[in-house]
């Protein structure tokens, strides 16, 4: 008539410390593999020939030329396709 209270309790499954460490280690290995894949893929992707990078480099060259033309002291050649001008020494390099 009386039942044993230990038999009525359900056993709850718990993770052991070893199981947690093994699962965290395998997750770490997986994450390192995914990160290295992203690094390799980003190095393989060459964007130096893209339209955006060409426009940026063109804008930088144009800005340098305009700065030199603003400081020009004299022009020795001026044609439709070429220009030669003198710029004062700005960095002390002669």
PDB file of N, CA and C in Angstrom:
ATOM      1  N   UNK A   1       0.784  -1.180   0.000  1.00  0.00           N
ATOM      2  CA  UNK A   1       0.000   0.000   0.000  1.00  0.00           C
ATOM      3  C   UNK A   1       0.842   1.268   0.000  1.00  0.00           C
ATOM      4  N   UNK A   2       1.871   1.267   0.777  1.00  0.00           N
ATOM      5  CA  UNK A   2       2.780   2.416   0.779  1.00  0.00           C
ATOM      6  C   UNK A   2       3.803   2.243  -0.324  1.00  0.00           C
ATOM      7  N   UNK A   3       4.033   3.318  -1.022  1.00  0.00           N
ATOM      8  CA  UNK A   3       5.019   3.242  -2.099  1.00  0.00           C
ATOM      9  C   UNK A   3       6.300   3.944  -1.667  1.00  0.00           C
ATOM     10  N   UNK A   4       7.349   3.510  -2.239  1.00  0.00           N
ATOM     11  CA  UNK A   4       8.649   4.070  -1.918  1.00  0.00           C
ATOM     12  C   UNK A   4       8.798   5.411  -2.635  1.00  0.00           C
ATOM     13  N   UNK A   5       9.084   6.500  -1.928  1.00  0.00           N
ATOM     14  CA  UNK A   5       9.194   7.816  -2.584  1.00  0.00           C
ATOM     15  C   UNK A   5      10.364   7.902  -3.542  1.00  0.00           C
ATOM     16  N   UNK A   6      11.392   7.082  -3.348  1.00  0.00           N
ATOM     17  CA  UNK A   6      12.528   7.115  -4.265  1.00  0.00           C
ATOM     18  C   UNK A   6      12.137   6.575  -5.637  1.00  0.00           C
ATOM     19  N   UNK A   7      11.243   5.637  -5.679  1.00  0.00           N
ATOM     20  CA  UNK A   7      10.820   5.068  -6.955  1.00  0.00           C
ATOM     21  C   UNK A   7       9.907   6.017  -7.719  1.00  0.00           C
ATOM     22  N   UNK A   8       9.238   6.891  -7.025  1.00  0.00           N
ATOM     23  CA  UNK A   8       8.317   7.817  -7.683  1.00  0.00           C
ATOM     24  C   UNK A   8       9.049   8.974  -8.357  1.00  0.00           C
ATOM     25  N   UNK A   9      10.189   9.298  -7.858  1.00  0.00           N
ATOM     26  CA  UNK A   9      10.936  10.404  -8.447  1.00  0.00           C
ATOM     27  C   UNK A   9      11.473   9.995  -9.822  1.00  0.00           C
ATOM     28  N   UNK A  10      11.369  10.931 -10.713  1.00  0.00           N
ATOM     29  CA  UNK A  10      11.917  10.701 -12.044  1.00  0.00           C
ATOM     30  C   UNK A  10      13.374  11.130 -12.038  1.00  0.00           C
ATOM     31  N   UNK A  11      14.165  10.346 -12.710  1.00  0.00           N
ATOM     32  CA  UNK A  11      15.575  10.712 -12.799  1.00  0.00           C
ATOM     33  C   UNK A  11      15.740  11.769 -13.891  1.00  0.00           C
ATOM     34  N   UNK A  12      16.322  12.880 -13.501  1.00  0.00           N
ATOM     35  CA  UNK A  12      16.583  13.958 -14.452  1.00  0.00           C
ATOM     36  C   UNK A  12      17.991  13.778 -15.012  1.00  0.00           C
ATOM     37  N   UNK A  13      18.096  13.869 -16.316  1.00  0.00           N
ATOM     38  CA  UNK A  13      19.386  13.710 -16.977  1.00  0.00           C
ATOM     39  C   UNK A  13      20.135  15.021 -16.876  1.00  0.00           C
ATOM     40  N   UNK A  14      21.360  14.985 -16.398  1.00  0.00           N
ATOM     41  CA  UNK A  14      22.202  16.161 -16.282  1.00  0.00           C
ATOM     42  C   UNK A  14      23.497  15.899 -17.040  1.00  0.00           C
ATOM     43  N   UNK A  15      24.113  16.989 -17.505  1.00  0.00           N
ATOM     44  CA  UNK A  15      25.384  16.877 -18.203  1.00  0.00           C
ATOM     45  C   UNK A  15      26.518  16.854 -17.190  1.00  0.00           C
ATOM     46  N   UNK A  16      27.498  16.043 -17.468  1.00  0.00           N
ATOM     47  CA  UNK A  16      28.670  16.018 -16.596  1.00  0.00           C
ATOM     48  C   UNK A  16      29.658  17.075 -17.057  1.00  0.00           C
ATOM     49  N   UNK A  17      30.629  17.354 -16.227  1.00  0.00           N
ATOM     50  CA  UNK A  17      31.635  18.353 -16.552  1.00  0.00           C
ATOM     51  C   UNK A  17      32.443  17.937 -17.785  1.00  0.00           C
ATOM     52  N   UNK A  18      32.734  16.684 -17.904  1.00  0.00           N
ATOM     53  CA  UNK A  18      33.487  16.181 -19.059  1.00  0.00           C
ATOM     54  C   UNK A  18      32.695  16.415 -20.344  1.00  0.00           C
ATOM     55  N   UNK A  19      31.406  16.141 -20.331  1.00  0.00           N
ATOM     56  CA  UNK A  19      30.580  16.343 -21.520  1.00  0.00           C
ATOM     57  C   UNK A  19      30.538  17.815 -21.914  1.00  0.00           C
ATOM     58  N   UNK A  20      30.459  18.699 -20.938  1.00  0.00           N
ATOM     59  CA  UNK A  20      30.452  20.132 -21.234  1.00  0.00           C
ATOM     60  C   UNK A  20      31.782  20.588 -21.823  1.00  0.00           C
ATOM     61  N   UNK A  21      32.885  20.090 -21.287  1.00  0.00           N
ATOM     62  CA  UNK A  21      34.196  20.480 -21.801  1.00  0.00           C
ATOM     63  C   UNK A  21      34.387  19.966 -23.221  1.00  0.00           C
ATOM     64  N   UNK A  22      33.970  18.743 -23.490  1.00  0.00           N
ATOM     65  CA  UNK A  22      34.100  18.184 -24.836  1.00  0.00           C
ATOM     66  C   UNK A  22      33.239  18.960 -25.825  1.00  0.00           C
ATOM     67  N   UNK A  23      32.039  19.319 -25.443  1.00  0.00           N
ATOM     68  CA  UNK A  23      31.167  20.057 -26.366  1.00  0.00           C
ATOM     69  C   UNK A  23      31.700  21.466 -26.611  1.00  0.00           C
ATOM     70  N   UNK A  24      32.248  22.116 -25.579  1.00  0.00           N
ATOM     71  CA  UNK A  24      32.822  23.446 -25.772  1.00  0.00           C
ATOM     72  C   UNK A  24      34.075  23.374 -26.657  1.00  0.00           C
ATOM     73  N   UNK A  25      34.860  22.324 -26.485  1.00  0.00           N
ATOM     74  CA  UNK A  25      36.046  22.160 -27.333  1.00  0.00           C
ATOM     75  C   UNK A  25      35.688  21.948 -28.786  1.00  0.00           C
ATOM     76  N   UNK A  26      34.686  21.130 -29.039  1.00  0.00           N
ATOM     77  CA  UNK A  26      34.283  20.896 -30.437  1.00  0.00           C
ATOM     78  C   UNK A  26      33.659  22.151 -31.036  1.00  0.00           C
ATOM     79  N   UNK A  27      32.931  22.923 -30.258  1.00  0.00           N
ATOM     80  CA  UNK A  27      32.373  24.178 -30.762  1.00  0.00           C
ATOM     81  C   UNK A  27      33.486  25.172 -31.073  1.00  0.00           C
ATOM     82  N   UNK A  28      34.534  25.190 -30.262  1.00  0.00           N
ATOM     83  CA  UNK A  28      35.669  26.078 -30.512  1.00  0.00           C
ATOM     84  C   UNK A  28      36.378  25.704 -31.799  1.00  0.00           C
ATOM     85  N   UNK A  29      36.595  24.421 -32.017  1.00  0.00           N
ATOM     86  CA  UNK A  29      37.243  23.969 -33.254  1.00  0.00           C
ATOM     87  C   UNK A  29      36.395  24.358 -34.462  1.00  0.00           C
ATOM     88  N   UNK A  30      35.105  24.221 -34.358  1.00  0.00           N
ATOM     89  CA  UNK A  30      34.199  24.595 -35.447  1.00  0.00           C
ATOM     90  C   UNK A  30      34.272  26.092 -35.732  1.00  0.00           C
ATOM     91  N   UNK A  31      34.272  26.916 -34.692  1.00  0.00           N
ATOM     92  CA  UNK A  31      34.323  28.369 -34.878  1.00  0.00           C
ATOM     93  C   UNK A  31      35.657  28.809 -35.473  1.00  0.00           C
ATOM     94  N   UNK A  32      36.772  28.194 -35.050  1.00  0.00           N
ATOM     95  CA  UNK A  32      38.082  28.529 -35.606  1.00  0.00           C
ATOM     96  C   UNK A  32      38.120  28.156 -37.081  1.00  0.00           C
ATOM     97  N   UNK A  33      37.541  27.029 -37.438  1.00  0.00           N
ATOM     98  CA  UNK A  33      37.493  26.631 -38.840  1.00  0.00           C
ATOM     99  C   UNK A  33      36.684  27.596 -39.684  1.00  0.00           C
ATOM    100  N   UNK A  34      35.576  28.053 -39.160  1.00  0.00           N
ATOM    101  CA  UNK A  34      34.753  29.008 -39.904  1.00  0.00           C
ATOM    102  C   UNK A  34      35.470  30.354 -40.039  1.00  0.00           C
ATOM    103  N   UNK A  35      36.146  30.795 -38.987  1.00  0.00           N
ATOM    104  CA  UNK A  35      36.865  32.068 -39.049  1.00  0.00           C
ATOM    105  C   UNK A  35      38.019  32.000 -40.041  1.00  0.00           C
ATOM    106  N   UNK A  36      38.746  30.894 -40.052  1.00  0.00           N
ATOM    107  CA  UNK A  36      39.854  30.782 -40.998  1.00  0.00           C
ATOM    108  C   UNK A  36      39.343  30.725 -42.438  1.00  0.00           C
ATOM    109  N   UNK A  37      38.197  30.127 -42.640  1.00  0.00           N
ATOM    110  CA  UNK A  37      37.597  30.105 -43.975  1.00  0.00           C
ATOM    111  C   UNK A  37      37.269  31.520 -44.442  1.00  0.00           C
ATOM    112  N   UNK A  38      36.747  32.344 -43.551  1.00  0.00           N
ATOM    113  CA  UNK A  38      36.436  33.728 -43.906  1.00  0.00           C
ATOM    114  C   UNK A  38      37.700  34.523 -44.216  1.00  0.00           C
ATOM    115  N   UNK A  39      38.760  34.298 -43.445  1.00  0.00           N
ATOM    116  CA  UNK A  39      40.012  35.016 -43.689  1.00  0.00           C
ATOM    117  C   UNK A  39      40.589  34.631 -45.036  1.00  0.00           C
ATOM    118  N   UNK A  40      40.612  33.343 -45.338  1.00  0.00           N
ATOM    119  CA  UNK A  40      41.154  32.882 -46.618  1.00  0.00           C
ATOM    120  C   UNK A  40      40.319  33.417 -47.780  1.00  0.00           C
ATOM    121  N   UNK A  41      39.002  33.412 -47.612  1.00  0.00           N
ATOM    122  CA  UNK A  41      38.126  33.914 -48.684  1.00  0.00           C
ATOM    123  C   UNK A  41      38.321  35.409 -48.894  1.00  0.00           C
ATOM    124  N   UNK A  42      38.524  36.169 -47.829  1.00  0.00           N
ATOM    125  CA  UNK A  42      38.708  37.613 -47.993  1.00  0.00           C
ATOM    126  C   UNK A  42      40.049  37.931 -48.633  1.00  0.00           C
ATOM    127  N   UNK A  43      41.086  37.113 -48.374  1.00  0.00           N
ATOM    128  CA  UNK A  43      42.374  37.333 -49.029  1.00  0.00           C
ATOM    129  C   UNK A  43      42.316  36.944 -50.501  1.00  0.00           C
ATOM    130  N   UNK A  44      41.509  35.973 -50.840  1.00  0.00           N
ATOM    131  CA  UNK A  44      41.409  35.528 -52.229  1.00  0.00           C
ATOM    132  C   UNK A  44      40.619  36.517 -53.083  1.00  0.00           C
ATOM    133  N   UNK A  45      39.785  37.310 -52.458  1.00  0.00           N
ATOM    134  CA  UNK A  45      38.961  38.275 -53.176  1.00  0.00           C
ATOM    135  C   UNK A  45      39.785  39.509 -53.482  1.00  0.00           C
ATOM    136  N   UNK A  46      40.120  39.722 -54.734  1.00  0.00           N
ATOM    137  CA  UNK A  46      40.943  40.854 -55.150  1.00  0.00           C
ATOM    138  C   UNK A  46      40.027  41.968 -55.630  1.00  0.00           C
ATOM    139  N   UNK A  47      39.970  43.055 -54.878  1.00  0.00           N
ATOM    140  CA  UNK A  47      39.074  44.152 -55.251  1.00  0.00           C
ATOM    141  C   UNK A  47      39.832  45.339 -55.852  1.00  0.00           C
ATOM    142  N   UNK A  48      41.103  45.145 -56.213  1.00  0.00           N
ATOM    143  CA  UNK A  48      41.867  46.257 -56.765  1.00  0.00           C
ATOM    144  C   UNK A  48      41.403  46.636 -58.175  1.00  0.00           C
ATOM    145  N   UNK A  49      40.713  45.761 -58.850  1.00  0.00           N
ATOM    146  CA  UNK A  49      40.232  46.053 -60.202  1.00  0.00           C
ATOM    147  C   UNK A  49      38.773  46.480 -60.222  1.00  0.00           C
ATOM    148  N   UNK A  50      38.198  46.687 -59.070  1.00  0.00           N
ATOM    149  CA  UNK A  50      36.785  47.069 -59.046  1.00  0.00           C
ATOM    150  C   UNK A  50      36.632  48.531 -59.468  1.00  0.00           C
ATOM    151  N   UNK A  51      35.456  48.879 -59.884  1.00  0.00           N
ATOM    152  CA  UNK A  51      35.164  50.232 -60.359  1.00  0.00           C
ATOM    153  C   UNK A  51      35.327  51.238 -59.227  1.00  0.00           C
ATOM    154  N   UNK A  52      34.895  50.860 -58.044  1.00  0.00           N
ATOM    155  CA  UNK A  52      34.972  51.774 -56.908  1.00  0.00           C
ATOM    156  C   UNK A  52      36.429  52.089 -56.558  1.00  0.00           C
ATOM    157  N   UNK A  53      37.287  51.063 -56.507  1.00  0.00           N
ATOM    158  CA  UNK A  53      38.689  51.309 -56.162  1.00  0.00           C
ATOM    159  C   UNK A  53      39.388  52.133 -57.240  1.00  0.00           C
ATOM    160  N   UNK A  54      39.016  51.949 -58.506  1.00  0.00           N
ATOM    161  CA  UNK A  54      39.603  52.755 -59.578  1.00  0.00           C
ATOM    162  C   UNK A  54      39.178  54.212 -59.458  1.00  0.00           C
ATOM    163  N   UNK A  55      37.921  54.439 -59.097  1.00  0.00           N
ATOM    164  CA  UNK A  55      37.449  55.820 -58.939  1.00  0.00           C
ATOM    165  C   UNK A  55      38.134  56.497 -57.754  1.00  0.00           C
ATOM    166  N   UNK A  56      38.353  55.740 -56.676  1.00  0.00           N
ATOM    167  CA  UNK A  56      39.019  56.316 -55.510  1.00  0.00           C
ATOM    168  C   UNK A  56      40.458  56.689 -55.851  1.00  0.00           C
ATOM    169  N   UNK A  57      41.177  55.802 -56.521  1.00  0.00           N
ATOM    170  CA  UNK A  57      42.572  56.113 -56.870  1.00  0.00           C
ATOM    171  C   UNK A  57      42.640  57.256 -57.876  1.00  0.00           C
ATOM    172  N   UNK A  58      41.701  57.334 -58.789  1.00  0.00           N
ATOM    173  CA  UNK A  58      41.652  58.442 -59.743  1.00  0.00           C
ATOM    174  C   UNK A  58      41.410  59.759 -59.025  1.00  0.00           C
ATOM    175  N   UNK A  59      40.537  59.750 -58.054  1.00  0.00           N
ATOM    176  CA  UNK A  59      40.256  60.967 -57.290  1.00  0.00           C
ATOM    177  C   UNK A  59      41.480  61.404 -56.489  1.00  0.00           C
ATOM    178  N   UNK A  60      42.239  60.456 -55.957  1.00  0.00           N
ATOM    179  CA  UNK A  60      43.446  60.802 -55.213  1.00  0.00           C
ATOM    180  C   UNK A  60      44.496  61.423 -56.120  1.00  0.00           C
ATOM    181  N   UNK A  61      44.683  60.862 -57.304  1.00  0.00           N
ATOM    182  CA  UNK A  61      45.648  61.408 -58.264  1.00  0.00           C
ATOM    183  C   UNK A  61      45.218  62.801 -58.699  1.00  0.00           C
ATOM    184  N   UNK A  62      43.938  62.972 -58.944  1.00  0.00           N
ATOM    185  CA  UNK A  62      43.430  64.268 -59.372  1.00  0.00           C
ATOM    186  C   UNK A  62      43.632  65.315 -58.275  1.00  0.00           C
ATOM    187  N   UNK A  63      43.410  64.952 -57.033  1.00  0.00           N
ATOM    188  CA  UNK A  63      43.610  65.888 -55.925  1.00  0.00           C
ATOM    189  C   UNK A  63      45.078  66.280 -55.801  1.00  0.00           C
ATOM    190  N   UNK A  64      45.995  65.322 -55.995  1.00  0.00           N
ATOM    191  CA  UNK A  64      47.426  65.633 -55.954  1.00  0.00           C
ATOM    192  C   UNK A  64      47.822  66.579 -57.082  1.00  0.00           C
ATOM    193  N   UNK A  65      47.302  66.325 -58.272  1.00  0.00           N
ATOM    194  CA  UNK A  65      47.629  67.191 -59.410  1.00  0.00           C
ATOM    195  C   UNK A  65      47.079  68.597 -59.215  1.00  0.00           C
ATOM    196  N   UNK A  66      45.875  68.719 -58.720  1.00  0.00           N
ATOM    197  CA  UNK A  66      45.300  70.047 -58.496  1.00  0.00           C
ATOM    198  C   UNK A  66      46.076  70.813 -57.427  1.00  0.00           C
ATOM    199  N   UNK A  67      46.530  70.104 -56.401  1.00  0.00           N
ATOM    200  CA  UNK A  67      47.351  70.762 -55.385  1.00  0.00           C
ATOM    201  C   UNK A  67      48.659  71.270 -55.955  1.00  0.00           C
ATOM    202  N   UNK A  68      49.292  70.456 -56.831  1.00  0.00           N
ATOM    203  CA  UNK A  68      50.533  70.897 -57.465  1.00  0.00           C
ATOM    204  C   UNK A  68      50.290  72.067 -58.412  1.00  0.00           C
ATOM    205  N   UNK A  69      49.191  72.029 -59.164  1.00  0.00           N
ATOM    206  CA  UNK A  69      48.897  73.126 -60.095  1.00  0.00           C
ATOM    207  C   UNK A  69      48.614  74.434 -59.367  1.00  0.00           C
ATOM    208  N   UNK A  70      48.008  74.363 -58.199  1.00  0.00           N
ATOM    209  CA  UNK A  70      47.735  75.583 -57.424  1.00  0.00           C
ATOM    210  C   UNK A  70      49.036  76.249 -56.973  1.00  0.00           C
ATOM    211  N   UNK A  71      50.061  75.438 -56.697  1.00  0.00           N
ATOM    212  CA  UNK A  71      51.332  75.977 -56.203  1.00  0.00           C
ATOM    213  C   UNK A  71      52.352  76.217 -57.311  1.00  0.00           C
ATOM    214  N   UNK A  72      51.977  75.963 -58.552  1.00  0.00           N
ATOM    215  CA  UNK A  72      52.917  76.098 -59.670  1.00  0.00           C
ATOM    216  C   UNK A  72      53.373  77.543 -59.802  1.00  0.00           C
ATOM    217  N   UNK A  73      54.691  77.712 -60.015  1.00  0.00           N
ATOM    218  CA  UNK A  73      55.246  79.061 -60.184  1.00  0.00           C
ATOM    219  C   UNK A  73      55.434  79.422 -61.652  1.00  0.00           C
ATOM    220  N   UNK A  74      55.480  78.406 -62.513  1.00  0.00           N
ATOM    221  CA  UNK A  74      55.641  78.701 -63.940  1.00  0.00           C
ATOM    222  C   UNK A  74      55.419  77.459 -64.778  1.00  0.00           C
ATOM    223  N   UNK A  75      54.986  77.687 -66.022  1.00  0.00           N
ATOM    224  CA  UNK A  75      54.735  76.603 -66.969  1.00  0.00           C
ATOM    225  C   UNK A  75      55.769  76.676 -68.087  1.00  0.00           C
ATOM    226  N   UNK A  76      56.422  75.541 -68.358  1.00  0.00           N
ATOM    227  CA  UNK A  76      57.402  75.525 -69.436  1.00  0.00           C
ATOM    228  C   UNK A  76      56.842  74.859 -70.693  1.00  0.00           C
ATOM    229  N   UNK A  77      55.842  74.010 -70.529  1.00  0.00           N
ATOM    230  CA  UNK A  77      55.203  73.375 -71.686  1.00  0.00           C
ATOM    231  C   UNK A  77      53.718  73.249 -71.386  1.00  0.00           C
ATOM    232  N   UNK A  78      52.918  73.626 -72.349  1.00  0.00           N
ATOM    233  CA  UNK A  78      51.468  73.535 -72.175  1.00  0.00           C
ATOM    234  C   UNK A  78      50.860  73.208 -73.530  1.00  0.00           C
ATOM    235  N   UNK A  79      50.478  71.916 -73.710  1.00  0.00           N
ATOM    236  CA  UNK A  79      49.843  71.472 -74.948  1.00  0.00           C
ATOM    237  C   UNK A  79      48.505  70.836 -74.595  1.00  0.00           C
ATOM    238  N   UNK A  80      47.843  70.303 -75.610  1.00  0.00           N
ATOM    239  CA  UNK A  80      46.538  69.677 -75.376  1.00  0.00           C
ATOM    240  C   UNK A  80      46.660  68.366 -74.609  1.00  0.00           C
ATOM    241  N   UNK A  81      47.831  67.721 -74.681  1.00  0.00           N
ATOM    242  CA  UNK A  81      47.987  66.419 -74.026  1.00  0.00           C
ATOM    243  C   UNK A  81      49.038  66.402 -72.926  1.00  0.00           C
ATOM    244  N   UNK A  82      49.797  67.485 -72.729  1.00  0.00           N
ATOM    245  CA  UNK A  82      50.862  67.485 -71.717  1.00  0.00           C
ATOM    246  C   UNK A  82      51.002  68.859 -71.095  1.00  0.00           C
ATOM    247  N   UNK A  83      51.505  68.842 -69.874  1.00  0.00           N
ATOM    248  CA  UNK A  83      51.793  70.086 -69.176  1.00  0.00           C
ATOM    249  C   UNK A  83      53.050  69.862 -68.322  1.00  0.00           C
ATOM    250  N   UNK A  84      53.951  70.843 -68.359  1.00  0.00           N
ATOM    251  CA  UNK A  84      55.151  70.801 -67.529  1.00  0.00           C
ATOM    252  C   UNK A  84      55.193  72.101 -66.748  1.00  0.00           C
ATOM    253  N   UNK A  85      55.333  71.987 -65.450  1.00  0.00           N
ATOM    254  CA  UNK A  85      55.329  73.184 -64.611  1.00  0.00           C
ATOM    255  C   UNK A  85      56.314  73.030 -63.466  1.00  0.00           C
ATOM    256  N   UNK A  86      56.650  74.143 -62.855  1.00  0.00           N
ATOM    257  CA  UNK A  86      57.605  74.188 -61.753  1.00  0.00           C
ATOM    258  C   UNK A  86      56.838  74.402 -60.461  1.00  0.00           C
ATOM    259  N   UNK A  87      57.185  73.594 -59.466  1.00  0.00           N
ATOM    260  CA  UNK A  87      56.543  73.686 -58.150  1.00  0.00           C
ATOM    261  C   UNK A  87      57.615  73.942 -57.115  1.00  0.00           C
ATOM    262  N   UNK A  88      57.400  74.871 -56.180  1.00  0.00           N
ATOM    263  CA  UNK A  88      58.415  75.093 -55.149  1.00  0.00           C
ATOM    264  C   UNK A  88      58.585  73.872 -54.240  1.00  0.00           C
ATOM    265  N   UNK A  89      59.777  73.756 -53.660  1.00  0.00           N
ATOM    266  CA  UNK A  89      60.098  72.637 -52.774  1.00  0.00           C
ATOM    267  C   UNK A  89      59.246  72.756 -51.504  1.00  0.00           C
ATOM    268  N   UNK A  90      58.400  71.749 -51.247  1.00  0.00           N
ATOM    269  CA  UNK A  90      57.505  71.795 -50.091  1.00  0.00           C
ATOM    270  C   UNK A  90      57.969  70.933 -48.931  1.00  0.00           C
ATOM    271  N   UNK A  91      58.820  69.932 -49.208  1.00  0.00           N
ATOM    272  CA  UNK A  91      59.216  69.020 -48.144  1.00  0.00           C
ATOM    273  C   UNK A  91      60.697  69.098 -47.796  1.00  0.00           C
ATOM    274  N   UNK A  92      61.416  70.026 -48.403  1.00  0.00           N
ATOM    275  CA  UNK A  92      62.833  70.191 -48.104  1.00  0.00           C
ATOM    276  C   UNK A  92      63.720  69.141 -48.732  1.00  0.00           C
ATOM    277  N   UNK A  93      63.212  68.398 -49.708  1.00  0.00           N
ATOM    278  CA  UNK A  93      63.997  67.356 -50.344  1.00  0.00           C
ATOM    279  C   UNK A  93      64.789  67.810 -51.546  1.00  0.00           C
ATOM    280  N   UNK A  94      64.671  69.067 -51.916  1.00  0.00           N
ATOM    281  CA  UNK A  94      65.420  69.586 -53.075  1.00  0.00           C
ATOM    282  C   UNK A  94      64.659  69.350 -54.298  1.00  0.00           C
TER     283      UNK A  94
END
